[in-house]
């Protein structure tokens, strides 16, 4: 099959068009941005999707991942403010926000972020004591994030998170910290025991105080009642009522006999008293009852009271 010059030219034209289209059309995947350079100079940034460039004039410069990325920070030795040496490692999360700045403002983006993070870890953690370092990890992460993000901002980078993974003091230092913690716990336990004993003694003293107050109040009430009874008897005697005096004496006399008879250390009770005195006293009680309850109600009681009682030694 013979080809004429026109056919050859047409084939060359078609091939040239295909080549131009191939060079001028760029498909950018999701999550990436490409920079475009014209004669070596940055011109624009291609976003995800189908893009057109000038063939043979423009070319793709840097291909940048715009998704959030993780950068592992290797273990390094840190000397704290109190001269303790600890091994620290961490992790940094960053995201490219401006592809042109990330491509042309810094050479070796990940290496720059890694060294920036490691340097600031040594600076921030080296300015703290060991106890503060171990107990304030959240504050350390926040401070590192603020410092590293501010330093990486001109590169078009957003540092989203900086985390300290492990802080490993030397073994001898860990042992010393354990002994210190045990001593502190023993100290707090002794303080709590002392506080408990103090509260117990205070409550016991308050109980004794309240009991003494109640006893004093009871004795005061009893004395008041005794004084009132004596006053009533005195007023009755002053009015010529001798029977009230007899009743009062008989009452006290009977109470005394009851106490003597109920004593546990007495086997024989000797009573050097006259029966006639007790009879006269009981007669006074009968007279008082007669005045109160009437002659009929007390006749039998008075006769019964007038019988001479038999007083015998009590035996227990």
C-alpha atoms as a PDB file:
ATOM      1  CA  UNK A   1       0.000   0.000   0.000  1.00  0.00           C
ATOM      2  CA  UNK A   2       1.524   3.256  -1.121  1.00  0.00           C
ATOM      3  CA  UNK A   3       1.262   6.398   1.030  1.00  0.00           C
ATOM      4  CA  UNK A   4       1.203   9.734  -0.531  1.00  0.00           C
ATOM      5  CA  UNK A   5       2.844  12.778   0.954  1.00  0.00           C
ATOM      6  CA  UNK A   6      -0.509  14.010   2.183  1.00  0.00           C
ATOM      7  CA  UNK A   7      -1.170  10.818   4.098  1.00  0.00           C
ATOM      8  CA  UNK A   8       2.212  10.982   5.760  1.00  0.00           C
ATOM      9  CA  UNK A   9       1.680  14.591   6.741  1.00  0.00           C
ATOM     10  CA  UNK A  10      -1.732  13.744   8.159  1.00  0.00           C
ATOM     11  CA  UNK A  11      -0.291  10.929  10.220  1.00  0.00           C
ATOM     12  CA  UNK A  12       2.432  13.194  11.534  1.00  0.00           C
ATOM     13  CA  UNK A  13      -0.165  15.841  12.408  1.00  0.00           C
ATOM     14  CA  UNK A  14      -2.311  13.332  14.262  1.00  0.00           C
ATOM     15  CA  UNK A  15       0.713  12.056  16.188  1.00  0.00           C
ATOM     16  CA  UNK A  16       1.679  15.624  17.038  1.00  0.00           C
ATOM     17  CA  UNK A  17      -1.828  16.382  18.317  1.00  0.00           C
ATOM     18  CA  UNK A  18      -1.793  13.251  20.476  1.00  0.00           C
ATOM     19  CA  UNK A  19       1.601  14.206  21.865  1.00  0.00           C
ATOM     20  CA  UNK A  20       0.444  17.761  22.589  1.00  0.00           C
ATOM     21  CA  UNK A  21      -2.637  16.484  24.363  1.00  0.00           C
ATOM     22  CA  UNK A  22      -0.533  14.038  26.327  1.00  0.00           C
ATOM     23  CA  UNK A  23       1.827  16.805  27.404  1.00  0.00           C
ATOM     24  CA  UNK A  24      -0.897  19.374  28.069  1.00  0.00           C
ATOM     25  CA  UNK A  25      -3.362  17.321  30.118  1.00  0.00           C
ATOM     26  CA  UNK A  26      -2.587  16.395  33.718  1.00  0.00           C
ATOM     27  CA  UNK A  27      -4.762  14.373  36.065  1.00  0.00           C
ATOM     28  CA  UNK A  28      -4.092  15.076  39.751  1.00  0.00           C
ATOM     29  CA  UNK A  29      -5.188  12.436  42.322  1.00  0.00           C
ATOM     30  CA  UNK A  30      -7.231  13.399  45.378  1.00  0.00           C
ATOM     31  CA  UNK A  31      -5.117  14.526  48.326  1.00  0.00           C
ATOM     32  CA  UNK A  32      -2.239  15.875  46.215  1.00  0.00           C
ATOM     33  CA  UNK A  33      -1.201  19.202  44.714  1.00  0.00           C
ATOM     34  CA  UNK A  34       1.292  19.640  41.873  1.00  0.00           C
ATOM     35  CA  UNK A  35       3.307  22.757  41.223  1.00  0.00           C
ATOM     36  CA  UNK A  36       3.787  23.988  37.642  1.00  0.00           C
ATOM     37  CA  UNK A  37       7.072  25.528  36.462  1.00  0.00           C
ATOM     38  CA  UNK A  38       7.556  27.486  33.248  1.00  0.00           C
ATOM     39  CA  UNK A  39      11.146  27.658  32.171  1.00  0.00           C
ATOM     40  CA  UNK A  40      12.124  26.770  35.749  1.00  0.00           C
ATOM     41  CA  UNK A  41       9.937  29.394  37.444  1.00  0.00           C
ATOM     42  CA  UNK A  42       6.863  28.577  39.528  1.00  0.00           C
ATOM     43  CA  UNK A  43       3.641  29.663  37.874  1.00  0.00           C
ATOM     44  CA  UNK A  44       0.692  27.895  39.538  1.00  0.00           C
ATOM     45  CA  UNK A  45      -0.512  24.927  41.572  1.00  0.00           C
ATOM     46  CA  UNK A  46      -2.661  22.159  40.122  1.00  0.00           C
ATOM     47  CA  UNK A  47      -5.467  20.883  42.342  1.00  0.00           C
ATOM     48  CA  UNK A  48      -6.977  17.348  42.214  1.00  0.00           C
ATOM     49  CA  UNK A  49      -8.812  16.558  38.973  1.00  0.00           C
ATOM     50  CA  UNK A  50      -8.205  17.254  35.262  1.00  0.00           C
ATOM     51  CA  UNK A  51      -5.851  20.185  34.548  1.00  0.00           C
ATOM     52  CA  UNK A  52      -4.351  21.754  31.419  1.00  0.00           C
ATOM     53  CA  UNK A  53      -0.845  23.113  31.005  1.00  0.00           C
ATOM     54  CA  UNK A  54       1.102  24.532  28.089  1.00  0.00           C
ATOM     55  CA  UNK A  55       2.872  21.611  26.408  1.00  0.00           C
ATOM     56  CA  UNK A  56       6.640  21.745  26.070  1.00  0.00           C
ATOM     57  CA  UNK A  57       6.656  25.033  28.020  1.00  0.00           C
ATOM     58  CA  UNK A  58       5.214  24.129  31.408  1.00  0.00           C
ATOM     59  CA  UNK A  59       6.285  21.157  33.417  1.00  0.00           C
ATOM     60  CA  UNK A  60       5.331  19.584  36.732  1.00  0.00           C
ATOM     61  CA  UNK A  61       7.609  20.734  39.520  1.00  0.00           C
ATOM     62  CA  UNK A  62       6.850  19.220  42.991  1.00  0.00           C
ATOM     63  CA  UNK A  63       4.211  16.675  43.859  1.00  0.00           C
ATOM     64  CA  UNK A  64       3.048  17.339  47.390  1.00  0.00           C
ATOM     65  CA  UNK A  65       0.861  15.218  49.651  1.00  0.00           C
ATOM     66  CA  UNK A  66      -1.780  17.539  51.196  1.00  0.00           C
ATOM     67  CA  UNK A  67      -3.084  14.951  53.688  1.00  0.00           C
ATOM     68  CA  UNK A  68      -2.091  14.950  57.351  1.00  0.00           C
ATOM     69  CA  UNK A  69       1.112  12.999  57.817  1.00  0.00           C
ATOM     70  CA  UNK A  70       2.897  11.389  60.739  1.00  0.00           C
ATOM     71  CA  UNK A  71       6.581  11.931  61.451  1.00  0.00           C
ATOM     72  CA  UNK A  72       8.274   9.683  64.015  1.00  0.00           C
ATOM     73  CA  UNK A  73      10.753  11.489  66.273  1.00  0.00           C
ATOM     74  CA  UNK A  74      13.630   9.159  67.244  1.00  0.00           C
ATOM     75  CA  UNK A  75      14.852   8.697  70.811  1.00  0.00           C
ATOM     76  CA  UNK A  76      17.280  11.316  72.102  1.00  0.00           C
ATOM     77  CA  UNK A  77      18.974  12.111  75.413  1.00  0.00           C
ATOM     78  CA  UNK A  78      17.672  15.114  77.348  1.00  0.00           C
ATOM     79  CA  UNK A  79      19.381  16.771  80.333  1.00  0.00           C
ATOM     80  CA  UNK A  80      16.813  18.373  82.621  1.00  0.00           C
ATOM     81  CA  UNK A  81      17.271  21.537  84.662  1.00  0.00           C
ATOM     82  CA  UNK A  82      18.200  19.487  87.750  1.00  0.00           C
ATOM     83  CA  UNK A  83      20.880  17.586  85.736  1.00  0.00           C
ATOM     84  CA  UNK A  84      18.923  14.347  85.293  1.00  0.00           C
ATOM     85  CA  UNK A  85      19.418  12.494  82.011  1.00  0.00           C
ATOM     86  CA  UNK A  86      16.329  10.972  80.387  1.00  0.00           C
ATOM     87  CA  UNK A  87      15.653   9.297  77.048  1.00  0.00           C
ATOM     88  CA  UNK A  88      12.738  10.836  75.151  1.00  0.00           C
ATOM     89  CA  UNK A  89      10.984   9.998  71.901  1.00  0.00           C
ATOM     90  CA  UNK A  90       7.848  11.359  70.290  1.00  0.00           C
ATOM     91  CA  UNK A  91       5.704  11.780  67.232  1.00  0.00           C
ATOM     92  CA  UNK A  92       4.671  14.821  65.182  1.00  0.00           C
ATOM     93  CA  UNK A  93       1.609  15.288  62.949  1.00  0.00           C
ATOM     94  CA  UNK A  94       1.717  17.897  60.194  1.00  0.00           C
ATOM     95  CA  UNK A  95      -0.227  18.940  57.087  1.00  0.00           C
ATOM     96  CA  UNK A  96       0.818  20.925  54.030  1.00  0.00           C
ATOM     97  CA  UNK A  97      -1.469  23.933  53.517  1.00  0.00           C
ATOM     98  CA  UNK A  98       0.477  25.814  50.840  1.00  0.00           C
ATOM     99  CA  UNK A  99       2.127  23.611  48.220  1.00  0.00           C
ATOM    100  CA  UNK A 100       4.251  26.383  46.709  1.00  0.00           C
ATOM    101  CA  UNK A 101       5.759  27.409  50.065  1.00  0.00           C
ATOM    102  CA  UNK A 102       6.367  23.787  51.090  1.00  0.00           C
ATOM    103  CA  UNK A 103       8.102  23.127  47.762  1.00  0.00           C
ATOM    104  CA  UNK A 104      10.204  26.281  47.416  1.00  0.00           C
ATOM    105  CA  UNK A 105      10.690  27.740  50.927  1.00  0.00           C
ATOM    106  CA  UNK A 106      12.536  24.784  52.443  1.00  0.00           C
ATOM    107  CA  UNK A 107      14.686  21.970  51.081  1.00  0.00           C
ATOM    108  CA  UNK A 108      13.892  18.535  52.514  1.00  0.00           C
ATOM    109  CA  UNK A 109      10.580  19.240  54.186  1.00  0.00           C
ATOM    110  CA  UNK A 110      10.340  16.160  56.443  1.00  0.00           C
ATOM    111  CA  UNK A 111      13.971  16.409  57.518  1.00  0.00           C
ATOM    112  CA  UNK A 112      13.444  20.077  58.394  1.00  0.00           C
ATOM    113  CA  UNK A 113      10.335  19.323  60.459  1.00  0.00           C
ATOM    114  CA  UNK A 114      12.106  16.436  62.225  1.00  0.00           C
ATOM    115  CA  UNK A 115      15.129  18.506  63.215  1.00  0.00           C
ATOM    116  CA  UNK A 116      12.938  21.428  64.254  1.00  0.00           C
ATOM    117  CA  UNK A 117      10.884  19.146  66.514  1.00  0.00           C
ATOM    118  CA  UNK A 118      13.914  17.458  68.083  1.00  0.00           C
ATOM    119  CA  UNK A 119      15.596  20.789  68.800  1.00  0.00           C
ATOM    120  CA  UNK A 120      12.523  22.205  70.501  1.00  0.00           C
ATOM    121  CA  UNK A 121      12.027  19.030  72.528  1.00  0.00           C
ATOM    122  CA  UNK A 122      15.512  19.459  73.960  1.00  0.00           C
ATOM    123  CA  UNK A 123      14.869  23.160  74.607  1.00  0.00           C
ATOM    124  CA  UNK A 124      11.464  22.794  76.258  1.00  0.00           C
ATOM    125  CA  UNK A 125      12.145  19.677  78.320  1.00  0.00           C
ATOM    126  CA  UNK A 126      15.644  20.806  79.278  1.00  0.00           C
ATOM    127  CA  UNK A 127      14.180  23.856  80.999  1.00  0.00           C
ATOM    128  CA  UNK A 128      12.117  21.728  83.410  1.00  0.00           C
ATOM    129  CA  UNK A 129      12.900  19.642  86.504  1.00  0.00           C
ATOM    130  CA  UNK A 130      12.520  15.870  86.352  1.00  0.00           C
ATOM    131  CA  UNK A 131       9.431  15.765  88.591  1.00  0.00           C
ATOM    132  CA  UNK A 132       7.806  18.497  86.536  1.00  0.00           C
ATOM    133  CA  UNK A 133       8.777  16.660  83.365  1.00  0.00           C
ATOM    134  CA  UNK A 134       7.109  13.422  84.446  1.00  0.00           C
ATOM    135  CA  UNK A 135       3.914  14.992  85.774  1.00  0.00           C
ATOM    136  CA  UNK A 136       3.184  17.670  83.140  1.00  0.00           C
ATOM    137  CA  UNK A 137       3.250  15.793  79.859  1.00  0.00           C
ATOM    138  CA  UNK A 138       0.150  17.548  78.538  1.00  0.00           C
ATOM    139  CA  UNK A 139       1.695  20.947  79.213  1.00  0.00           C
ATOM    140  CA  UNK A 140       4.887  19.851  77.426  1.00  0.00           C
ATOM    141  CA  UNK A 141       2.921  18.702  74.374  1.00  0.00           C
ATOM    142  CA  UNK A 142       0.998  21.972  74.236  1.00  0.00           C
ATOM    143  CA  UNK A 143       4.139  24.078  74.520  1.00  0.00           C
ATOM    144  CA  UNK A 144       5.952  22.032  71.866  1.00  0.00           C
ATOM    145  CA  UNK A 145       3.008  22.316  69.487  1.00  0.00           C
ATOM    146  CA  UNK A 146       2.897  26.087  69.823  1.00  0.00           C
ATOM    147  CA  UNK A 147       6.649  26.573  69.309  1.00  0.00           C
ATOM    148  CA  UNK A 148       7.083  24.124  66.400  1.00  0.00           C
ATOM    149  CA  UNK A 149       3.950  25.321  64.583  1.00  0.00           C
ATOM    150  CA  UNK A 150       5.088  28.926  64.789  1.00  0.00           C
ATOM    151  CA  UNK A 151       8.519  28.004  63.403  1.00  0.00           C
ATOM    152  CA  UNK A 152       7.084  25.908  60.537  1.00  0.00           C
ATOM    153  CA  UNK A 153       4.457  28.452  59.505  1.00  0.00           C
ATOM    154  CA  UNK A 154       6.648  30.152  56.790  1.00  0.00           C
ATOM    155  CA  UNK A 155       6.994  26.768  55.074  1.00  0.00           C
ATOM    156  CA  UNK A 156       3.248  26.511  54.471  1.00  0.00           C
ATOM    157  CA  UNK A 157       3.035  23.761  57.103  1.00  0.00           C
ATOM    158  CA  UNK A 158       0.498  23.312  59.883  1.00  0.00           C
ATOM    159  CA  UNK A 159       1.754  21.267  62.838  1.00  0.00           C
ATOM    160  CA  UNK A 160      -1.437  19.702  64.148  1.00  0.00           C
ATOM    161  CA  UNK A 161       0.004  17.741  67.064  1.00  0.00           C
ATOM    162  CA  UNK A 162       3.257  16.979  68.862  1.00  0.00           C
ATOM    163  CA  UNK A 163       3.160  14.109  71.352  1.00  0.00           C
ATOM    164  CA  UNK A 164       5.850  12.784  73.712  1.00  0.00           C
ATOM    165  CA  UNK A 165       5.551   8.996  73.614  1.00  0.00           C
ATOM    166  CA  UNK A 166       8.044   7.834  76.239  1.00  0.00           C
ATOM    167  CA  UNK A 167      10.182   9.418  78.960  1.00  0.00           C
ATOM    168  CA  UNK A 168      12.687   6.895  80.300  1.00  0.00           C
ATOM    169  CA  UNK A 169      14.889   7.924  83.256  1.00  0.00           C
ATOM    170  CA  UNK A 170      17.930   5.775  84.176  1.00  0.00           C
ATOM    171  CA  UNK A 171      17.334   2.664  86.290  1.00  0.00           C
ATOM    172  CA  UNK A 172      19.079   4.024  89.401  1.00  0.00           C
ATOM    173  CA  UNK A 173      17.011   7.206  89.175  1.00  0.00           C
ATOM    174  CA  UNK A 174      13.792   5.175  88.901  1.00  0.00           C
ATOM    175  CA  UNK A 175      14.792   3.229  92.026  1.00  0.00           C
ATOM    176  CA  UNK A 176      15.474   6.443  93.953  1.00  0.00           C
ATOM    177  CA  UNK A 177      12.103   7.823  92.853  1.00  0.00           C
ATOM    178  CA  UNK A 178      10.410   4.651  94.101  1.00  0.00           C
ATOM    179  CA  UNK A 179      12.007   4.997  97.544  1.00  0.00           C
ATOM    180  CA  UNK A 180      11.028   8.658  97.658  1.00  0.00           C
ATOM    181  CA  UNK A 181       7.438   7.802  96.765  1.00  0.00           C
ATOM    182  CA  UNK A 182       7.298   5.113  99.461  1.00  0.00           C
ATOM    183  CA  UNK A 183       8.649   7.527 102.087  1.00  0.00           C
ATOM    184  CA  UNK A 184       6.080  10.127 101.065  1.00  0.00           C
ATOM    185  CA  UNK A 185       3.252   7.609 101.320  1.00  0.00           C
ATOM    186  CA  UNK A 186       4.421   6.493 104.787  1.00  0.00           C
ATOM    187  CA  UNK A 187       4.560  10.120 105.869  1.00  0.00           C
ATOM    188  CA  UNK A 188       1.005  10.747 104.715  1.00  0.00           C
ATOM    189  CA  UNK A 189      -0.186   7.566 106.457  1.00  0.00           C
ATOM    190  CA  UNK A 190       1.386   8.681 109.754  1.00  0.00           C
ATOM    191  CA  UNK A 191      -0.202  12.109 109.390  1.00  0.00           C
ATOM    192  CA  UNK A 192      -3.618  10.533 108.807  1.00  0.00           C
ATOM    193  CA  UNK A 193      -3.180   8.271 111.860  1.00  0.00           C
ATOM    194  CA  UNK A 194      -2.244  11.276 114.005  1.00  0.00           C
ATOM    195  CA  UNK A 195      -5.231  13.233 112.718  1.00  0.00           C
ATOM    196  CA  UNK A 196      -7.542  10.306 113.487  1.00  0.00           C
ATOM    197  CA  UNK A 197      -6.158   9.961 117.034  1.00  0.00           C
ATOM    198  CA  UNK A 198      -6.535  13.700 117.570  1.00  0.00           C
ATOM    199  CA  UNK A 199     -10.171  13.670 116.429  1.00  0.00           C
ATOM    200  CA  UNK A 200     -10.885  10.637 118.616  1.00  0.00           C
ATOM    201  CA  UNK A 201      -9.443  12.355 121.695  1.00  0.00           C
ATOM    202  CA  UNK A 202     -11.376  15.521 120.936  1.00  0.00           C
ATOM    203  CA  UNK A 203     -14.651  13.609 120.601  1.00  0.00           C
ATOM    204  CA  UNK A 204     -13.953  11.656 123.810  1.00  0.00           C
ATOM    205  CA  UNK A 205     -13.233  14.889 125.723  1.00  0.00           C
ATOM    206  CA  UNK A 206     -16.405  16.448 124.365  1.00  0.00           C
ATOM    207  CA  UNK A 207     -18.351  13.370 125.502  1.00  0.00           C
ATOM    208  CA  UNK A 208     -16.922  13.603 129.006  1.00  0.00           C
ATOM    209  CA  UNK A 209     -17.720  17.309 129.067  1.00  0.00           C
ATOM    210  CA  UNK A 210     -21.323  16.675 128.018  1.00  0.00           C
ATOM    211  CA  UNK A 211     -21.715  13.867 130.571  1.00  0.00           C
ATOM    212  CA  UNK A 212     -20.326  16.068 133.372  1.00  0.00           C
ATOM    213  CA  UNK A 213     -22.683  18.836 132.346  1.00  0.00           C
ATOM    214  CA  UNK A 214     -25.654  16.442 132.420  1.00  0.00           C
ATOM    215  CA  UNK A 215     -24.626  15.073 135.843  1.00  0.00           C
ATOM    216  CA  UNK A 216     -24.246  18.590 137.241  1.00  0.00           C
ATOM    217  CA  UNK A 217     -27.637  19.545 135.832  1.00  0.00           C
ATOM    218  CA  UNK A 218     -29.214  16.441 137.406  1.00  0.00           C
ATOM    219  CA  UNK A 219     -27.625  17.183 140.795  1.00  0.00           C
ATOM    220  CA  UNK A 220     -28.833  20.774 140.527  1.00  0.00           C
ATOM    221  CA  UNK A 221     -32.391  19.637 139.801  1.00  0.00           C
ATOM    222  CA  UNK A 222     -32.250  17.157 142.704  1.00  0.00           C
ATOM    223  CA  UNK A 223     -30.972  19.860 145.063  1.00  0.00           C
ATOM    224  CA  UNK A 224     -33.716  22.201 143.902  1.00  0.00           C
ATOM    225  CA  UNK A 225     -36.355  19.528 144.556  1.00  0.00           C
ATOM    226  CA  UNK A 226     -34.863  18.811 148.010  1.00  0.00           C
ATOM    227  CA  UNK A 227     -34.798  22.504 148.837  1.00  0.00           C
ATOM    228  CA  UNK A 228     -38.386  22.877 147.670  1.00  0.00           C
ATOM    229  CA  UNK A 229     -39.514  19.956 149.828  1.00  0.00           C
ATOM    230  CA  UNK A 230     -37.701  21.379 152.846  1.00  0.00           C
ATOM    231  CA  UNK A 231     -39.267  24.773 152.193  1.00  0.00           C
ATOM    232  CA  UNK A 232     -42.758  23.243 152.037  1.00  0.00           C
ATOM    233  CA  UNK A 233     -42.199  21.390 155.350  1.00  0.00           C
ATOM    234  CA  UNK A 234     -40.822  24.545 156.962  1.00  0.00           C
ATOM    235  CA  UNK A 235     -43.836  26.542 155.811  1.00  0.00           C
ATOM    236  CA  UNK A 236     -46.158  23.837 157.233  1.00  0.00           C
ATOM    237  CA  UNK A 237     -44.348  23.865 160.591  1.00  0.00           C
ATOM    238  CA  UNK A 238     -44.469  27.647 160.713  1.00  0.00           C
ATOM    239  CA  UNK A 239     -48.233  27.379 160.286  1.00  0.00           C
ATOM    240  CA  UNK A 240     -48.495  24.966 163.218  1.00  0.00           C
ATOM    241  CA  UNK A 241     -48.849  21.757 161.173  1.00  0.00           C
ATOM    242  CA  UNK A 242     -46.676  19.326 163.182  1.00  0.00           C
ATOM    243  CA  UNK A 243     -47.928  16.336 161.173  1.00  0.00           C
ATOM    244  CA  UNK A 244     -45.948  17.561 158.125  1.00  0.00           C
ATOM    245  CA  UNK A 245     -42.772  17.418 160.175  1.00  0.00           C
ATOM    246  CA  UNK A 246     -43.620  13.903 161.325  1.00  0.00           C
ATOM    247  CA  UNK A 247     -44.182  12.867 157.703  1.00  0.00           C
ATOM    248  CA  UNK A 248     -40.879  14.342 156.600  1.00  0.00           C
ATOM    249  CA  UNK A 249     -38.957  12.624 159.442  1.00  0.00           C
ATOM    250  CA  UNK A 250     -40.710   9.317 158.815  1.00  0.00           C
ATOM    251  CA  UNK A 251     -39.868   9.493 155.134  1.00  0.00           C
ATOM    252  CA  UNK A 252     -36.179  10.089 155.782  1.00  0.00           C
ATOM    253  CA  UNK A 253     -36.194   7.451 158.489  1.00  0.00           C
ATOM    254  CA  UNK A 254     -37.710   4.847 156.178  1.00  0.00           C
ATOM    255  CA  UNK A 255     -35.183   5.657 153.418  1.00  0.00           C
ATOM    256  CA  UNK A 256     -32.337   5.212 155.900  1.00  0.00           C
ATOM    257  CA  UNK A 257     -33.680   1.814 156.998  1.00  0.00           C
ATOM    258  CA  UNK A 258     -34.023   0.727 153.383  1.00  0.00           C
ATOM    259  CA  UNK A 259     -30.399   1.618 152.631  1.00  0.00           C
ATOM    260  CA  UNK A 260     -29.161  -0.159 155.737  1.00  0.00           C
ATOM    261  CA  UNK A 261     -31.154  -3.283 155.000  1.00  0.00           C
ATOM    262  CA  UNK A 262     -30.068  -3.495 151.358  1.00  0.00           C
ATOM    263  CA  UNK A 263     -26.342  -3.160 152.087  1.00  0.00           C
ATOM    264  CA  UNK A 264     -24.446  -6.173 150.665  1.00  0.00           C
ATOM    265  CA  UNK A 265     -21.630  -6.019 153.209  1.00  0.00           C
ATOM    266  CA  UNK A 266     -23.910  -6.359 156.266  1.00  0.00           C
ATOM    267  CA  UNK A 267     -24.950  -9.738 157.535  1.00  0.00           C
ATOM    268  CA  UNK A 268     -26.508  -8.510 160.816  1.00  0.00           C
ATOM    269  CA  UNK A 269     -28.055  -5.077 161.309  1.00  0.00           C
ATOM    270  CA  UNK A 270     -28.212  -3.749 164.883  1.00  0.00           C
ATOM    271  CA  UNK A 271     -30.820  -1.079 165.376  1.00  0.00           C
ATOM    272  CA  UNK A 272     -30.398   0.794 168.674  1.00  0.00           C
ATOM    273  CA  UNK A 273     -33.658   2.635 168.359  1.00  0.00           C
ATOM    274  CA  UNK A 274     -36.904   2.741 170.290  1.00  0.00           C
ATOM    275  CA  UNK A 275     -39.926   1.192 168.737  1.00  0.00           C
ATOM    276  CA  UNK A 276     -42.114   3.872 170.280  1.00  0.00           C
ATOM    277  CA  UNK A 277     -40.344   6.572 168.259  1.00  0.00           C
ATOM    278  CA  UNK A 278     -41.063   4.762 165.020  1.00  0.00           C
ATOM    279  CA  UNK A 279     -44.685   4.202 166.140  1.00  0.00           C
ATOM    280  CA  UNK A 280     -45.121   7.878 166.850  1.00  0.00           C
ATOM    281  CA  UNK A 281     -43.671   8.764 163.521  1.00  0.00           C
ATOM    282  CA  UNK A 282     -45.931   6.366 161.687  1.00  0.00           C
ATOM    283  CA  UNK A 283     -48.817   7.799 163.657  1.00  0.00           C
ATOM    284  CA  UNK A 284     -47.995  11.191 162.189  1.00  0.00           C
ATOM    285  CA  UNK A 285     -48.102   9.694 158.727  1.00  0.00           C
ATOM    286  CA  UNK A 286     -51.549   8.270 159.469  1.00  0.00           C
ATOM    287  CA  UNK A 287     -52.818  11.651 160.656  1.00  0.00           C
ATOM    288  CA  UNK A 288     -51.651  13.322 157.501  1.00  0.00           C
ATOM    289  CA  UNK A 289     -53.333  10.670 155.387  1.00  0.00           C
ATOM    290  CA  UNK A 290     -56.518  11.161 157.387  1.00  0.00           C
ATOM    291  CA  UNK A 291     -56.513  14.874 156.660  1.00  0.00           C
ATOM    292  CA  UNK A 292     -55.964  14.242 152.964  1.00  0.00           C
ATOM    293  CA  UNK A 293     -58.261  11.325 152.223  1.00  0.00           C
ATOM    294  CA  UNK A 294     -60.885  11.734 154.942  1.00  0.00           C
ATOM    295  CA  UNK A 295     -61.663   9.949 158.147  1.00  0.00           C
ATOM    296  CA  UNK A 296     -63.489   6.974 156.597  1.00  0.00           C
ATOM    297  CA  UNK A 297     -60.858   6.201 154.010  1.00  0.00           C
ATOM    298  CA  UNK A 298     -58.050   6.308 156.552  1.00  0.00           C
ATOM    299  CA  UNK A 299     -59.650   4.671 159.594  1.00  0.00           C
ATOM    300  CA  UNK A 300     -58.504   1.222 158.668  1.00  0.00           C
ATOM    301  CA  UNK A 301     -55.145   2.520 157.516  1.00  0.00           C
ATOM    302  CA  UNK A 302     -54.609   4.477 160.780  1.00  0.00           C
ATOM    303  CA  UNK A 303     -55.495   1.435 162.920  1.00  0.00           C
ATOM    304  CA  UNK A 304     -53.160  -0.666 160.893  1.00  0.00           C
ATOM    305  CA  UNK A 305     -50.439   1.961 161.210  1.00  0.00           C
ATOM    306  CA  UNK A 306     -50.934   2.166 165.016  1.00  0.00           C
ATOM    307  CA  UNK A 307     -49.964  -1.455 165.499  1.00  0.00           C
ATOM    308  CA  UNK A 308     -46.531  -1.694 167.003  1.00  0.00           C
ATOM    309  CA  UNK A 309     -44.111  -2.954 164.387  1.00  0.00           C
ATOM    310  CA  UNK A 310     -41.762  -5.775 165.068  1.00  0.00           C
ATOM    311  CA  UNK A 311     -38.202  -4.643 164.449  1.00  0.00           C
ATOM    312  CA  UNK A 312     -35.803  -7.505 163.930  1.00  0.00           C
ATOM    313  CA  UNK A 313     -32.241  -7.684 162.823  1.00  0.00           C
ATOM    314  CA  UNK A 314     -32.181  -8.171 159.066  1.00  0.00           C
ATOM    315  CA  UNK A 315     -30.184 -11.014 157.617  1.00  0.00           C
ATOM    316  CA  UNK A 316     -29.114 -11.319 154.061  1.00  0.00           C
END
